[in-house]
């Protein structure tokens, strides 16, 4: 009779930590699309200063694609948070697409590569620069991929 009175073992709660992390990384990727990604910097040691023309991510088509990929990753993360945490693993697809688009931004002709660059010593120096927004977007895109793969792996 004592065997019937023992309580049933409690079911483990669904782990939603990775799904929440995918949501945060996707939201940060969306935010990084509006940050400056590149620019054209003009410096002159003669006058002791310089000018920078910033290019935000959404000013380029690759930035818009990154924004859309971030929104898709955010949606996958929210779906995984509300239903099954493994659904957040679908965010690996838009995360990988965002990584590819960010690499294309740097290597394609519309990116930084074809901007003019010359140096006239200390008189005038003109060159392209990569801004912090591109690095932040790349970090968030890689984080989305890694966290969504971790959401797929079942931990006990």
Protein backbone atom coordinates (compact mmCIF):
# COMPACT_ATOMS: atom_id res chain seq x y z
CA UNK A 1 0.00 0.00 0.00
CA UNK A 2 2.91 2.33 0.65
CA UNK A 3 3.91 2.06 -3.01
CA UNK A 4 0.73 3.77 -4.12
CA UNK A 5 1.20 6.76 -1.84
CA UNK A 6 4.54 7.87 -3.29
CA UNK A 7 4.29 10.97 -5.45
CA UNK A 8 5.12 10.71 -9.12
CA UNK A 9 8.45 12.21 -10.14
CA UNK A 10 8.12 15.77 -11.33
CA UNK A 11 8.52 16.38 -15.05
CA UNK A 12 11.49 18.57 -15.88
CA UNK A 13 10.53 22.07 -16.92
CA UNK A 14 11.19 22.96 -20.52
CA UNK A 15 14.41 24.86 -20.88
CA UNK A 16 13.72 28.10 -22.61
CA UNK A 17 17.01 29.83 -21.86
CA UNK A 18 18.46 29.34 -25.33
CA UNK A 19 15.23 30.46 -26.97
CA UNK A 20 15.32 33.63 -24.89
CA UNK A 21 18.96 34.14 -25.85
CA UNK A 22 18.03 33.76 -29.53
CA UNK A 23 15.34 36.43 -29.04
CA UNK A 24 17.87 38.82 -27.50
CA UNK A 25 20.50 38.16 -30.19
CA UNK A 26 17.90 38.61 -32.95
CA UNK A 27 16.72 41.90 -31.44
CA UNK A 28 20.32 43.11 -31.20
CA UNK A 29 20.89 42.14 -34.84
CA UNK A 30 17.90 44.26 -35.83
CA UNK A 31 19.33 47.15 -33.81
CA UNK A 32 22.77 46.75 -35.36
CA UNK A 33 21.30 47.22 -38.84
CA UNK A 34 20.77 50.93 -38.13
CA UNK A 35 24.26 51.52 -36.74
CA UNK A 36 27.09 52.88 -38.94
CA UNK A 37 28.79 50.04 -40.81
CA UNK A 38 31.33 51.82 -42.95
CA UNK A 39 32.53 55.26 -43.83
CA UNK A 40 34.89 57.37 -45.83
CA UNK A 41 37.46 59.14 -43.69
CA UNK A 42 39.41 62.23 -44.74
CA UNK A 43 42.33 63.26 -42.53
CA UNK A 44 44.78 66.11 -42.76
CA UNK A 45 47.70 66.54 -40.39
CA UNK A 46 48.14 70.02 -41.82
CA UNK A 47 44.99 71.28 -40.14
CA UNK A 48 44.97 68.62 -37.41
CA UNK A 49 41.56 67.11 -38.05
CA UNK A 50 39.40 65.10 -40.34
CA UNK A 51 35.94 64.32 -41.62
CA UNK A 52 34.03 61.05 -41.73
CA UNK A 53 31.04 60.21 -43.91
CA UNK A 54 29.18 57.31 -42.26
CA UNK A 55 27.17 54.69 -44.09
CA UNK A 56 24.55 53.03 -41.91
CA UNK A 57 23.58 49.44 -42.49
CA UNK A 58 20.11 50.24 -43.75
CA UNK A 59 21.54 52.70 -46.27
CA UNK A 60 22.66 49.68 -48.31
CA UNK A 61 20.56 46.77 -49.60
CA UNK A 62 22.73 44.33 -47.66
CA UNK A 63 21.80 46.17 -44.48
CA UNK A 64 18.12 45.80 -45.28
CA UNK A 65 18.65 42.07 -45.83
CA UNK A 66 20.39 41.89 -42.47
CA UNK A 67 17.48 43.71 -40.85
CA UNK A 68 15.02 41.22 -42.35
CA UNK A 69 17.20 38.28 -41.23
CA UNK A 70 17.28 39.74 -37.72
CA UNK A 71 13.50 40.04 -37.68
CA UNK A 72 13.16 36.44 -38.87
CA UNK A 73 15.57 35.24 -36.17
CA UNK A 74 13.63 37.26 -33.60
CA UNK A 75 10.40 35.64 -34.77
CA UNK A 76 11.89 32.14 -34.57
CA UNK A 77 13.15 32.86 -31.08
CA UNK A 78 9.78 34.15 -29.92
CA UNK A 79 8.06 31.10 -31.41
CA UNK A 80 10.51 28.88 -29.57
CA UNK A 81 9.95 30.82 -26.38
CA UNK A 82 6.16 30.51 -26.58
CA UNK A 83 5.89 26.93 -27.82
CA UNK A 84 8.74 24.43 -27.97
CA UNK A 85 12.30 25.63 -27.38
CA UNK A 86 13.58 23.56 -30.29
CA UNK A 87 11.70 25.77 -32.73
CA UNK A 88 14.23 28.48 -31.90
CA UNK A 89 16.76 26.33 -33.77
CA UNK A 90 15.17 27.53 -37.01
CA UNK A 91 16.85 30.88 -36.38
CA UNK A 92 20.09 29.33 -37.61
CA UNK A 93 18.92 29.85 -41.20
CA UNK A 94 18.39 33.65 -41.04
CA UNK A 95 21.47 33.94 -38.79
CA UNK A 96 23.65 32.19 -41.37
CA UNK A 97 22.09 34.33 -44.11
CA UNK A 98 22.97 37.45 -42.12
CA UNK A 99 26.58 36.28 -41.79
CA UNK A 100 26.73 35.73 -45.57
CA UNK A 101 25.17 39.12 -46.28
CA UNK A 102 27.61 40.87 -43.95
CA UNK A 103 30.54 39.21 -45.70
CA UNK A 104 29.07 40.24 -49.05
CA UNK A 105 28.81 43.83 -47.83
CA UNK A 106 32.57 43.89 -47.37
CA UNK A 107 33.53 42.01 -50.54
CA UNK A 108 30.92 43.20 -53.06
CA UNK A 109 31.41 46.30 -55.20
CA UNK A 110 28.79 48.27 -53.29
CA UNK A 111 30.69 47.77 -50.05
CA UNK A 112 33.81 49.47 -48.78
CA UNK A 113 36.23 48.01 -51.30
CA UNK A 114 35.48 50.26 -54.27
CA UNK A 115 35.59 53.53 -52.35
CA UNK A 116 38.49 55.71 -53.26
CA UNK A 117 41.64 55.64 -51.19
CA UNK A 118 44.75 57.76 -51.50
CA UNK A 119 47.44 59.22 -49.30
CA UNK A 120 49.36 62.44 -49.91
CA UNK A 121 51.57 62.18 -46.87
CA UNK A 122 50.67 64.54 -44.06
CA UNK A 123 48.74 66.87 -46.33
CA UNK A 124 45.71 64.69 -47.09
CA UNK A 125 44.70 61.09 -46.49
CA UNK A 126 41.45 59.60 -47.77
CA UNK A 127 40.37 56.01 -47.13
CA UNK A 128 37.50 53.71 -46.29
CA UNK A 129 36.94 52.62 -42.69
CA UNK A 130 34.89 49.84 -41.15
CA UNK A 131 32.72 51.09 -38.31
CA UNK A 132 31.68 49.38 -35.08
CA UNK A 133 28.16 48.63 -36.31
CA UNK A 134 29.39 46.10 -38.85
CA UNK A 135 31.41 44.26 -36.22
CA UNK A 136 28.46 44.31 -33.82
CA UNK A 137 26.13 42.97 -36.52
CA UNK A 138 28.58 40.19 -37.36
CA UNK A 139 28.87 39.26 -33.70
CA UNK A 140 25.09 39.20 -33.27
CA UNK A 141 24.62 37.11 -36.43
CA UNK A 142 27.19 34.56 -35.26
CA UNK A 143 25.56 34.57 -31.82
CA UNK A 144 22.17 33.83 -33.40
CA UNK A 145 23.63 30.84 -35.25
CA UNK A 146 25.46 29.46 -32.20
CA UNK A 147 22.56 29.96 -29.80
CA UNK A 148 20.03 28.44 -32.19
CA UNK A 149 22.23 25.37 -32.63
CA UNK A 150 22.51 25.13 -28.84
CA UNK A 151 18.72 25.33 -28.61
CA UNK A 152 18.56 22.24 -30.81
CA UNK A 153 20.82 20.20 -28.56
CA UNK A 154 18.86 18.67 -25.70
CA UNK A 155 20.54 19.00 -22.30
CA UNK A 156 19.43 16.92 -19.36
